[in-house]
Amino acid sequence: MQKSDAEGLWSHIHWLAILEEVGTYTAAATRLGVSKSAVSQRISELEKATGHRLVQRTTRSVRLTDAGQSLVREVRGAFAHIADSFSQVRDSAGAVRGLVRLTAPVAFARQHLVPRLSGFLARHPDVRVQLDVSDHLSSMAAEGYDLAVRHSYQVPDTHVAWKLCDTRSVLVATPAYLATHGQPDNPMGLVDHNCLFYPRGVDAPAWMFERPAKGKRAGERLTVPITGNFATNNSEALRDAALQHLGIALLPDFSAQAALDNGSLVPVLGHWALKGAFAEEIYLIRPYSRQIPRSVTALVEYLRSCFHTGF
């Protein structure tokens, strides 16, 4: 039976769909594991075969023409079905195997995730984990991640989420700093201290507290403007600055826990609850799909078992 012209171009069309999804030739090449020139050549061949210009190129990105979008739209469901079917057949045989691409915030990954991954890899020697450590919330679909750890108030509706654990915000300082500058009795006392904070846009820095559960004003919230000579968007850097006796730092508890346990940092205003600084839950999320590789499912189950009582 003679092969049709379209059959010889199936892989070309698939590469076009990937290009639309990730937006650049470089990202498409990385996703496909080929060179940038190979992607460009396939697209040129496809344009010649169809007689239509399928891609509009700019200096920073590409976007598909109407003809290109129409072609990808018609085949997207078929390619997704093929990928699901292949994953199902591959994963049904033998040991759990494959590559899991995972992204996670810097502090949580370094202090709590990486130390636990050795147990998973020992249990599943045919699985490879590729971890991207970043506080940047990248697009999972565009970057090709299977899973993401998110310290977030909510997750996208298009994703499946599993709660890993609760977390809370804490104020900490070294005993030496507090011995020199004093322990504040209430949040308003922070105005006399050097406060180390996570910058939030151009707004003047302020911390919000909820009054302790006892008393007539229990649950009332209090916003305190703070000042300090050091701010950074990384909680480990804030912790390290506090360890240098620079001031009182506001941190997520998972970043401060080890220092609190060994006494190098101590709680400040521990009977007051901090609100709005950092999210109070940590999730494991993945884009929704009908078929999940066994390697991904195995890592999800393992991490949920590791963190179900906290970190």
C-alpha atoms as a PDB file:
ATOM      1  CA  MET A   1       0.000   0.000   0.000  1.00  0.00           C
ATOM      2  CA  GLN A   2       1.424   3.378  -0.992  1.00  0.00           C
ATOM      3  CA  LYS A   3       2.109   5.789   1.837  1.00  0.00           C
ATOM      4  CA  SER A   4       0.250   9.090   1.594  1.00  0.00           C
ATOM      5  CA  ASP A   5       2.111  12.412   1.702  1.00  0.00           C
ATOM      6  CA  ALA A   6       0.574  13.190   5.094  1.00  0.00           C
ATOM      7  CA  GLU A   7       1.912   9.969   6.654  1.00  0.00           C
ATOM      8  CA  GLY A   8       5.466  11.032   5.906  1.00  0.00           C
ATOM      9  CA  LEU A   9       4.839  14.369   7.640  1.00  0.00           C
ATOM     10  CA  TRP A  10       3.287  13.199  10.912  1.00  0.00           C
ATOM     11  CA  SER A  11       6.426  13.916  12.911  1.00  0.00           C
ATOM     12  CA  HIS A  12       6.686  17.327  11.236  1.00  0.00           C
ATOM     13  CA  ILE A  13       3.159  18.179  12.362  1.00  0.00           C
ATOM     14  CA  HIS A  14       3.941  16.994  15.886  1.00  0.00           C
ATOM     15  CA  TRP A  15       6.972  19.283  16.014  1.00  0.00           C
ATOM     16  CA  LEU A  16       4.804  22.181  14.817  1.00  0.00           C
ATOM     17  CA  ALA A  17       2.393  21.491  17.687  1.00  0.00           C
ATOM     18  CA  ILE A  18       5.274  21.536  20.176  1.00  0.00           C
ATOM     19  CA  LEU A  19       6.517  24.813  18.686  1.00  0.00           C
ATOM     20  CA  GLU A  20       3.103  26.385  19.197  1.00  0.00           C
ATOM     21  CA  GLU A  21       2.992  25.158  22.785  1.00  0.00           C
ATOM     22  CA  VAL A  22       6.413  26.442  23.910  1.00  0.00           C
ATOM     23  CA  GLY A  23       6.662  29.552  21.706  1.00  0.00           C
ATOM     24  CA  THR A  24      10.321  29.477  20.570  1.00  0.00           C
ATOM     25  CA  TYR A  25      12.524  27.278  18.398  1.00  0.00           C
ATOM     26  CA  THR A  26      15.045  26.974  21.240  1.00  0.00           C
ATOM     27  CA  ALA A  27      12.426  25.742  23.712  1.00  0.00           C
ATOM     28  CA  ALA A  28      10.953  23.356  21.126  1.00  0.00           C
ATOM     29  CA  ALA A  29      14.410  21.900  20.428  1.00  0.00           C
ATOM     30  CA  THR A  30      15.006  21.390  24.151  1.00  0.00           C
ATOM     31  CA  ARG A  31      11.623  19.743  24.588  1.00  0.00           C
ATOM     32  CA  LEU A  32      12.190  17.401  21.627  1.00  0.00           C
ATOM     33  CA  GLY A  33      15.850  16.684  22.390  1.00  0.00           C
ATOM     34  CA  VAL A  34      17.055  17.849  18.982  1.00  0.00           C
ATOM     35  CA  SER A  35      18.924  20.846  17.571  1.00  0.00           C
ATOM     36  CA  LYS A  36      17.268  24.180  16.867  1.00  0.00           C
ATOM     37  CA  SER A  37      18.232  23.866  13.196  1.00  0.00           C
ATOM     38  CA  ALA A  38      16.485  20.479  12.994  1.00  0.00           C
ATOM     39  CA  VAL A  39      13.229  22.025  14.193  1.00  0.00           C
ATOM     40  CA  SER A  40      13.570  24.885  11.710  1.00  0.00           C
ATOM     41  CA  GLN A  41      14.215  22.450   8.860  1.00  0.00           C
ATOM     42  CA  ARG A  42      11.164  20.307   9.709  1.00  0.00           C
ATOM     43  CA  ILE A  43       8.920  23.371   9.799  1.00  0.00           C
ATOM     44  CA  SER A  44      10.287  24.582   6.453  1.00  0.00           C
ATOM     45  CA  GLU A  45       9.646  21.144   4.915  1.00  0.00           C
ATOM     46  CA  LEU A  46       6.113  21.163   6.268  1.00  0.00           C
ATOM     47  CA  GLU A  47       5.450  24.652   4.866  1.00  0.00           C
ATOM     48  CA  LYS A  48       6.739  23.547   1.464  1.00  0.00           C
ATOM     49  CA  ALA A  49       4.551  20.441   1.502  1.00  0.00           C
ATOM     50  CA  THR A  50       1.382  22.307   2.481  1.00  0.00           C
ATOM     51  CA  GLY A  51       2.002  25.340   0.309  1.00  0.00           C
ATOM     52  CA  HIS A  52       1.239  27.617   3.237  1.00  0.00           C
ATOM     53  CA  ARG A  53       3.283  29.730   5.587  1.00  0.00           C
ATOM     54  CA  LEU A  54       2.661  28.131   8.972  1.00  0.00           C
ATOM     55  CA  VAL A  55       4.865  30.174  11.318  1.00  0.00           C
ATOM     56  CA  GLN A  56       5.388  33.901  11.792  1.00  0.00           C
ATOM     57  CA  ARG A  57       8.792  34.634  13.269  1.00  0.00           C
ATOM     58  CA  THR A  58       9.714  37.594  15.489  1.00  0.00           C
ATOM     59  CA  THR A  59      12.966  38.480  17.208  1.00  0.00           C
ATOM     60  CA  ARG A  60      11.914  36.871  20.499  1.00  0.00           C
ATOM     61  CA  SER A  61       9.270  34.279  19.729  1.00  0.00           C
ATOM     62  CA  VAL A  62       7.174  32.647  17.055  1.00  0.00           C
ATOM     63  CA  ARG A  63       3.480  32.272  16.573  1.00  0.00           C
ATOM     64  CA  LEU A  64       1.524  30.170  14.164  1.00  0.00           C
ATOM     65  CA  THR A  65      -0.366  31.660  11.233  1.00  0.00           C
ATOM     66  CA  ASP A  66      -4.060  30.922  10.821  1.00  0.00           C
ATOM     67  CA  ALA A  67      -3.141  27.956   8.613  1.00  0.00           C
ATOM     68  CA  GLY A  68      -0.658  26.656  11.177  1.00  0.00           C
ATOM     69  CA  GLN A  69      -3.134  27.038  14.040  1.00  0.00           C
ATOM     70  CA  SER A  70      -5.806  25.249  12.027  1.00  0.00           C
ATOM     71  CA  LEU A  71      -3.495  22.322  11.306  1.00  0.00           C
ATOM     72  CA  VAL A  72      -2.395  21.957  14.931  1.00  0.00           C
ATOM     73  CA  ARG A  73      -5.940  22.302  16.249  1.00  0.00           C
ATOM     74  CA  GLU A  74      -7.131  19.434  14.089  1.00  0.00           C
ATOM     75  CA  VAL A  75      -4.406  16.997  15.176  1.00  0.00           C
ATOM     76  CA  ARG A  76      -3.822  17.995  18.832  1.00  0.00           C
ATOM     77  CA  GLY A  77      -6.356  15.526  20.212  1.00  0.00           C
ATOM     78  CA  ALA A  78      -4.983  12.682  18.096  1.00  0.00           C
ATOM     79  CA  PHE A  79      -1.412  13.271  19.251  1.00  0.00           C
ATOM     80  CA  ALA A  80      -2.531  13.443  22.902  1.00  0.00           C
ATOM     81  CA  HIS A  81      -4.339  10.133  22.472  1.00  0.00           C
ATOM     82  CA  ILE A  82      -1.238   8.548  20.924  1.00  0.00           C
ATOM     83  CA  ALA A  83       0.946   9.804  23.799  1.00  0.00           C
ATOM     84  CA  ASP A  84      -1.507   8.489  26.389  1.00  0.00           C
ATOM     85  CA  SER A  85      -1.742   5.098  24.694  1.00  0.00           C
ATOM     86  CA  PHE A  86       2.043   4.780  24.443  1.00  0.00           C
ATOM     87  CA  SER A  87       2.512   5.723  28.105  1.00  0.00           C
ATOM     88  CA  GLN A  88      -0.117   3.226  29.187  1.00  0.00           C
ATOM     89  CA  VAL A  89       1.476   0.348  27.247  1.00  0.00           C
ATOM     90  CA  ARG A  90       5.020   1.254  28.295  1.00  0.00           C
ATOM     91  CA  ASP A  91       4.169   1.673  31.963  1.00  0.00           C
ATOM     92  CA  SER A  92       2.153  -1.523  32.216  1.00  0.00           C
ATOM     93  CA  ALA A  93       5.240  -3.686  31.786  1.00  0.00           C
ATOM     94  CA  GLY A  94       7.887  -4.457  34.371  1.00  0.00           C
ATOM     95  CA  ALA A  95       9.408  -2.116  36.917  1.00  0.00           C
ATOM     96  CA  VAL A  96       8.527   1.552  37.260  1.00  0.00           C
ATOM     97  CA  ARG A  97      10.823   3.466  34.920  1.00  0.00           C
ATOM     98  CA  GLY A  98      11.191   6.723  33.075  1.00  0.00           C
ATOM     99  CA  LEU A  99      12.118  10.383  33.551  1.00  0.00           C
ATOM    100  CA  VAL A 100      10.204  12.645  35.940  1.00  0.00           C
ATOM    101  CA  ARG A 101      10.796  16.365  35.482  1.00  0.00           C
ATOM    102  CA  LEU A 102      10.105  18.213  38.726  1.00  0.00           C
ATOM    103  CA  THR A 103      10.341  21.889  39.710  1.00  0.00           C
ATOM    104  CA  ALA A 104      10.345  23.227  43.280  1.00  0.00           C
ATOM    105  CA  PRO A 105      11.129  26.414  45.253  1.00  0.00           C
ATOM    106  CA  VAL A 106      14.766  26.856  46.230  1.00  0.00           C
ATOM    107  CA  ALA A 107      14.578  26.697  50.038  1.00  0.00           C
ATOM    108  CA  PHE A 108      12.061  23.858  50.210  1.00  0.00           C
ATOM    109  CA  ALA A 109      13.937  21.839  47.585  1.00  0.00           C
ATOM    110  CA  ARG A 110      17.358  22.233  49.184  1.00  0.00           C
ATOM    111  CA  GLN A 111      16.321  21.673  52.778  1.00  0.00           C
ATOM    112  CA  HIS A 112      13.461  19.190  52.576  1.00  0.00           C
ATOM    113  CA  LEU A 113      12.946  17.720  49.114  1.00  0.00           C
ATOM    114  CA  VAL A 114      16.433  16.690  47.985  1.00  0.00           C
ATOM    115  CA  PRO A 115      17.257  14.873  51.277  1.00  0.00           C
ATOM    116  CA  ARG A 116      14.191  12.670  50.726  1.00  0.00           C
ATOM    117  CA  LEU A 117      14.689  11.879  47.037  1.00  0.00           C
ATOM    118  CA  SER A 118      17.470   9.370  47.709  1.00  0.00           C
ATOM    119  CA  GLY A 119      14.938   7.037  49.322  1.00  0.00           C
ATOM    120  CA  PHE A 120      12.682   7.214  46.273  1.00  0.00           C
ATOM    121  CA  LEU A 121      15.530   6.587  43.828  1.00  0.00           C
ATOM    122  CA  ALA A 122      16.749   3.621  45.865  1.00  0.00           C
ATOM    123  CA  ARG A 123      13.239   2.167  45.757  1.00  0.00           C
ATOM    124  CA  HIS A 124      12.885   2.770  41.990  1.00  0.00           C
ATOM    125  CA  PRO A 125      16.354   2.432  40.395  1.00  0.00           C
ATOM    126  CA  ASP A 126      14.955   2.659  36.847  1.00  0.00           C
ATOM    127  CA  VAL A 127      13.419   6.087  37.452  1.00  0.00           C
ATOM    128  CA  ARG A 128      15.352   9.292  36.780  1.00  0.00           C
ATOM    129  CA  VAL A 129      14.390  12.568  38.464  1.00  0.00           C
ATOM    130  CA  GLN A 130      15.366  15.879  36.889  1.00  0.00           C
ATOM    131  CA  LEU A 131      14.850  18.658  39.448  1.00  0.00           C
ATOM    132  CA  ASP A 132      14.713  22.336  38.525  1.00  0.00           C
ATOM    133  CA  VAL A 133      15.236  24.473  41.639  1.00  0.00           C
ATOM    134  CA  SER A 134      13.721  27.920  41.151  1.00  0.00           C
ATOM    135  CA  ASP A 135      11.436  30.405  42.882  1.00  0.00           C
ATOM    136  CA  HIS A 136      10.156  31.478  39.463  1.00  0.00           C
ATOM    137  CA  LEU A 137       6.674  30.105  38.756  1.00  0.00           C
ATOM    138  CA  SER A 138       7.236  28.859  35.222  1.00  0.00           C
ATOM    139  CA  SER A 139       4.592  27.372  32.959  1.00  0.00           C
ATOM    140  CA  MET A 140       4.610  23.619  33.477  1.00  0.00           C
ATOM    141  CA  ALA A 141       3.280  22.932  29.986  1.00  0.00           C
ATOM    142  CA  ALA A 142       5.749  25.247  28.247  1.00  0.00           C
ATOM    143  CA  GLU A 143       8.737  23.948  30.214  1.00  0.00           C
ATOM    144  CA  GLY A 144       7.681  20.307  30.033  1.00  0.00           C
ATOM    145  CA  TYR A 145       7.495  19.603  33.776  1.00  0.00           C
ATOM    146  CA  ASP A 146       5.597  16.568  35.045  1.00  0.00           C
ATOM    147  CA  LEU A 147       5.275  17.835  38.619  1.00  0.00           C
ATOM    148  CA  ALA A 148       5.746  21.056  40.566  1.00  0.00           C
ATOM    149  CA  VAL A 149       5.966  21.816  44.268  1.00  0.00           C
ATOM    150  CA  ARG A 150       4.046  25.015  44.915  1.00  0.00           C
ATOM    151  CA  HIS A 151       4.003  27.093  48.112  1.00  0.00           C
ATOM    152  CA  SER A 152       0.758  28.726  47.106  1.00  0.00           C
ATOM    153  CA  TYR A 153      -2.651  29.925  48.253  1.00  0.00           C
ATOM    154  CA  GLN A 154      -4.364  28.191  45.330  1.00  0.00           C
ATOM    155  CA  VAL A 155      -3.608  26.082  42.277  1.00  0.00           C
ATOM    156  CA  PRO A 156      -4.861  26.517  38.691  1.00  0.00           C
ATOM    157  CA  ASP A 157      -8.151  24.834  37.820  1.00  0.00           C
ATOM    158  CA  THR A 158      -6.404  23.144  34.888  1.00  0.00           C
ATOM    159  CA  HIS A 159      -4.082  21.240  37.252  1.00  0.00           C
ATOM    160  CA  VAL A 160      -4.453  18.323  39.635  1.00  0.00           C
ATOM    161  CA  ALA A 161      -3.188  19.073  43.144  1.00  0.00           C
ATOM    162  CA  TRP A 162      -2.171  17.014  46.149  1.00  0.00           C
ATOM    163  CA  LYS A 163      -1.572  18.742  49.458  1.00  0.00           C
ATOM    164  CA  LEU A 164       1.829  17.834  50.876  1.00  0.00           C
ATOM    165  CA  CYS A 165       1.736  19.649  54.221  1.00  0.00           C
ATOM    166  CA  ASP A 166       0.786  22.776  56.131  1.00  0.00           C
ATOM    167  CA  THR A 167       3.239  25.587  56.695  1.00  0.00           C
ATOM    168  CA  ARG A 168       3.228  28.875  58.583  1.00  0.00           C
ATOM    169  CA  SER A 169       5.164  32.107  58.806  1.00  0.00           C
ATOM    170  CA  VAL A 170       7.476  32.787  61.752  1.00  0.00           C
ATOM    171  CA  LEU A 171       9.457  35.712  63.124  1.00  0.00           C
ATOM    172  CA  VAL A 172      12.981  34.791  64.200  1.00  0.00           C
ATOM    173  CA  ALA A 173      16.210  36.347  65.418  1.00  0.00           C
ATOM    174  CA  THR A 174      19.423  35.220  67.079  1.00  0.00           C
ATOM    175  CA  PRO A 175      19.689  35.251  70.879  1.00  0.00           C
ATOM    176  CA  ALA A 176      22.629  37.652  70.491  1.00  0.00           C
ATOM    177  CA  TYR A 177      20.565  40.171  68.497  1.00  0.00           C
ATOM    178  CA  LEU A 178      17.741  40.075  71.028  1.00  0.00           C
ATOM    179  CA  ALA A 179      20.174  40.383  73.951  1.00  0.00           C
ATOM    180  CA  THR A 180      21.498  43.601  72.398  1.00  0.00           C
ATOM    181  CA  HIS A 181      18.273  45.130  71.061  1.00  0.00           C
ATOM    182  CA  GLY A 182      15.594  43.620  73.294  1.00  0.00           C
ATOM    183  CA  GLN A 183      12.642  41.317  72.736  1.00  0.00           C
ATOM    184  CA  PRO A 184       9.519  43.156  71.473  1.00  0.00           C
ATOM    185  CA  ASP A 185       6.475  42.642  73.722  1.00  0.00           C
ATOM    186  CA  ASN A 186       3.939  43.156  70.928  1.00  0.00           C
ATOM    187  CA  PRO A 187       3.994  43.753  67.161  1.00  0.00           C
ATOM    188  CA  MET A 188       4.161  47.536  67.478  1.00  0.00           C
ATOM    189  CA  GLY A 189       7.506  47.075  69.208  1.00  0.00           C
ATOM    190  CA  LEU A 190       8.940  46.033  65.831  1.00  0.00           C
ATOM    191  CA  VAL A 191       9.181  49.687  64.788  1.00  0.00           C
ATOM    192  CA  ASP A 192      12.292  49.908  66.992  1.00  0.00           C
ATOM    193  CA  HIS A 193      13.974  46.923  65.309  1.00  0.00           C
ATOM    194  CA  ASN A 194      15.842  46.214  62.093  1.00  0.00           C
ATOM    195  CA  CYS A 195      13.427  43.964  60.200  1.00  0.00           C
ATOM    196  CA  LEU A 196      14.589  41.660  57.428  1.00  0.00           C
ATOM    197  CA  PHE A 197      11.838  41.153  54.895  1.00  0.00           C
ATOM    198  CA  TYR A 198      10.698  39.698  51.600  1.00  0.00           C
ATOM    199  CA  PRO A 199       9.930  42.635  49.249  1.00  0.00           C
ATOM    200  CA  ARG A 200       6.404  42.815  47.813  1.00  0.00           C
ATOM    201  CA  GLY A 201       6.427  45.153  44.850  1.00  0.00           C
ATOM    202  CA  VAL A 202       6.654  48.895  45.461  1.00  0.00           C
ATOM    203  CA  ASP A 203       4.418  48.959  48.541  1.00  0.00           C
ATOM    204  CA  ALA A 204       5.920  50.104  51.831  1.00  0.00           C
ATOM    205  CA  PRO A 205       6.834  46.982  53.840  1.00  0.00           C
ATOM    206  CA  ALA A 206       4.358  45.952  56.537  1.00  0.00           C
ATOM    207  CA  TRP A 207       3.615  42.789  58.475  1.00  0.00           C
ATOM    208  CA  MET A 208       0.115  41.680  59.465  1.00  0.00           C
ATOM    209  CA  PHE A 209      -0.603  39.963  62.780  1.00  0.00           C
ATOM    210  CA  GLU A 210      -3.642  38.319  64.292  1.00  0.00           C
ATOM    211  CA  ARG A 211      -4.134  38.809  68.008  1.00  0.00           C
ATOM    212  CA  PRO A 212      -3.810  35.759  70.278  1.00  0.00           C
ATOM    213  CA  ALA A 213      -6.897  33.614  70.834  1.00  0.00           C
ATOM    214  CA  LYS A 214      -7.435  34.914  74.385  1.00  0.00           C
ATOM    215  CA  GLY A 215      -8.886  38.255  75.404  1.00  0.00           C
ATOM    216  CA  LYS A 216     -11.632  40.610  74.251  1.00  0.00           C
ATOM    217  CA  ARG A 217      -9.870  41.490  71.019  1.00  0.00           C
ATOM    218  CA  ALA A 218      -8.926  37.905  70.053  1.00  0.00           C
ATOM    219  CA  GLY A 219      -8.694  37.409  66.294  1.00  0.00           C
ATOM    220  CA  GLU A 220      -8.360  41.103  65.538  1.00  0.00           C
ATOM    221  CA  ARG A 221      -5.765  41.882  62.892  1.00  0.00           C
ATOM    222  CA  LEU A 222      -3.028  44.440  63.241  1.00  0.00           C
ATOM    223  CA  THR A 223      -0.862  45.771  60.406  1.00  0.00           C
ATOM    224  CA  VAL A 224       2.557  47.042  61.446  1.00  0.00           C
ATOM    225  CA  PRO A 225       4.815  49.100  59.144  1.00  0.00           C
ATOM    226  CA  ILE A 226       8.396  47.899  59.376  1.00  0.00           C
ATOM    227  CA  THR A 227      11.805  49.151  58.267  1.00  0.00           C
ATOM    228  CA  GLY A 228      15.090  47.369  57.709  1.00  0.00           C
ATOM    229  CA  ASN A 229      18.362  47.591  55.863  1.00  0.00           C
ATOM    230  CA  PHE A 230      18.109  44.222  54.083  1.00  0.00           C
ATOM    231  CA  ALA A 231      15.424  42.673  51.886  1.00  0.00           C
ATOM    232  CA  THR A 232      15.589  39.726  49.496  1.00  0.00           C
ATOM    233  CA  ASN A 233      13.238  37.449  47.591  1.00  0.00           C
ATOM    234  CA  ASN A 234      14.827  34.245  48.917  1.00  0.00           C
ATOM    235  CA  SER A 235      13.960  32.877  52.348  1.00  0.00           C
ATOM    236  CA  GLU A 236      17.309  31.112  52.785  1.00  0.00           C
ATOM    237  CA  ALA A 237      19.103  34.419  52.247  1.00  0.00           C
ATOM    238  CA  LEU A 238      16.827  36.061  54.834  1.00  0.00           C
ATOM    239  CA  ARG A 239      17.563  33.245  57.274  1.00  0.00           C
ATOM    240  CA  ASP A 240      21.295  33.593  56.741  1.00  0.00           C
ATOM    241  CA  ALA A 241      21.093  37.355  57.289  1.00  0.00           C
ATOM    242  CA  ALA A 242      19.274  36.744  60.575  1.00  0.00           C
ATOM    243  CA  LEU A 243      21.956  34.231  61.567  1.00  0.00           C
ATOM    244  CA  GLN A 244      24.481  37.057  61.137  1.00  0.00           C
ATOM    245  CA  HIS A 245      22.610  38.969  63.889  1.00  0.00           C
ATOM    246  CA  LEU A 246      21.333  41.610  61.431  1.00  0.00           C
ATOM    247  CA  GLY A 247      17.791  41.752  62.741  1.00  0.00           C
ATOM    248  CA  ILE A 248      14.399  40.073  63.010  1.00  0.00           C
ATOM    249  CA  ALA A 249      13.410  38.058  59.927  1.00  0.00           C
ATOM    250  CA  LEU A 250      10.026  36.901  58.668  1.00  0.00           C
ATOM    251  CA  LEU A 251      10.372  33.400  57.183  1.00  0.00           C
ATOM    252  CA  PRO A 252       8.323  30.371  56.177  1.00  0.00           C
ATOM    253  CA  ASP A 253       8.793  27.779  58.913  1.00  0.00           C
ATOM    254  CA  PHE A 254      10.336  25.212  56.568  1.00  0.00           C
ATOM    255  CA  SER A 255      13.227  27.594  55.937  1.00  0.00           C
ATOM    256  CA  ALA A 256      13.775  28.403  59.619  1.00  0.00           C
ATOM    257  CA  GLN A 257      13.092  24.984  61.167  1.00  0.00           C
ATOM    258  CA  ALA A 258      16.651  23.624  61.357  1.00  0.00           C
ATOM    259  CA  ALA A 259      17.978  26.839  62.916  1.00  0.00           C
ATOM    260  CA  LEU A 260      15.085  26.885  65.410  1.00  0.00           C
ATOM    261  CA  ASP A 261      15.752  23.262  66.331  1.00  0.00           C
ATOM    262  CA  ASN A 262      19.424  23.879  67.109  1.00  0.00           C
ATOM    263  CA  GLY A 263      18.798  27.169  68.894  1.00  0.00           C
ATOM    264  CA  SER A 264      20.773  29.405  66.563  1.00  0.00           C
ATOM    265  CA  LEU A 265      17.499  31.246  65.913  1.00  0.00           C
ATOM    266  CA  VAL A 266      14.667  31.739  68.411  1.00  0.00           C
ATOM    267  CA  PRO A 267      11.013  32.730  67.883  1.00  0.00           C
ATOM    268  CA  VAL A 268       9.904  36.335  68.234  1.00  0.00           C
ATOM    269  CA  LEU A 269       6.284  37.160  69.146  1.00  0.00           C
ATOM    270  CA  GLY A 270       5.495  33.462  68.862  1.00  0.00           C
ATOM    271  CA  HIS A 271       2.018  33.848  70.420  1.00  0.00           C
ATOM    272  CA  TRP A 272       0.936  36.165  67.595  1.00  0.00           C
ATOM    273  CA  ALA A 273      -0.125  34.620  64.263  1.00  0.00           C
ATOM    274  CA  LEU A 274       1.353  36.139  61.109  1.00  0.00           C
ATOM    275  CA  LYS A 275      -1.056  36.534  58.199  1.00  0.00           C
ATOM    276  CA  GLY A 276      -0.600  37.185  54.496  1.00  0.00           C
ATOM    277  CA  ALA A 277       3.175  36.859  54.401  1.00  0.00           C
ATOM    278  CA  PHE A 278       3.496  33.391  52.874  1.00  0.00           C
ATOM    279  CA  ALA A 279       0.947  30.762  51.853  1.00  0.00           C
ATOM    280  CA  GLU A 280      -0.085  28.265  54.533  1.00  0.00           C
ATOM    281  CA  GLU A 281      -0.050  25.103  52.413  1.00  0.00           C
ATOM    282  CA  ILE A 282       2.427  23.334  50.151  1.00  0.00           C
ATOM    283  CA  TYR A 283       1.048  21.469  47.135  1.00  0.00           C
ATOM    284  CA  LEU A 284       2.322  19.014  44.576  1.00  0.00           C
ATOM    285  CA  ILE A 285       0.642  19.736  41.234  1.00  0.00           C
ATOM    286  CA  ARG A 286       0.634  18.463  37.663  1.00  0.00           C
ATOM    287  CA  PRO A 287      -1.247  19.493  34.515  1.00  0.00           C
ATOM    288  CA  TYR A 288      -4.447  17.492  34.048  1.00  0.00           C
ATOM    289  CA  SER A 289      -4.172  14.500  31.725  1.00  0.00           C
ATOM    290  CA  ARG A 290      -6.104  11.248  31.374  1.00  0.00           C
ATOM    291  CA  GLN A 291      -3.005   9.090  31.626  1.00  0.00           C
ATOM    292  CA  ILE A 292      -0.309   9.578  34.274  1.00  0.00           C
ATOM    293  CA  PRO A 293       2.996   7.683  33.902  1.00  0.00           C
ATOM    294  CA  ARG A 294       3.655   5.207  36.690  1.00  0.00           C
ATOM    295  CA  SER A 295       6.920   6.977  37.494  1.00  0.00           C
ATOM    296  CA  VAL A 296       5.039  10.210  38.195  1.00  0.00           C
ATOM    297  CA  THR A 297       2.380   8.434  40.245  1.00  0.00           C
ATOM    298  CA  ALA A 298       5.072   6.651  42.256  1.00  0.00           C
ATOM    299  CA  LEU A 299       6.845   9.924  43.072  1.00  0.00           C
ATOM    300  CA  VAL A 300       3.570  11.588  44.061  1.00  0.00           C
ATOM    301  CA  GLU A 301       2.715   8.743  46.446  1.00  0.00           C
ATOM    302  CA  TYR A 302       6.223   8.707  47.897  1.00  0.00           C
ATOM    303  CA  LEU A 303       6.340  12.469  48.566  1.00  0.00           C
ATOM    304  CA  ARG A 304       2.852  12.480  50.088  1.00  0.00           C
ATOM    305  CA  SER A 305       3.941   9.749  52.484  1.00  0.00           C
ATOM    306  CA  CYS A 306       7.089  11.710  53.366  1.00  0.00           C
ATOM    307  CA  PHE A 307       5.296  14.968  54.155  1.00  0.00           C
ATOM    308  CA  HIS A 308       1.897  13.882  55.464  1.00  0.00           C
ATOM    309  CA  THR A 309       2.975  14.696  59.050  1.00  0.00           C
ATOM    310  CA  GLY A 310       4.913  17.834  58.032  1.00  0.00           C
ATOM    311  CA  PHE A 311       8.541  18.352  57.206  1.00  0.00           C
END
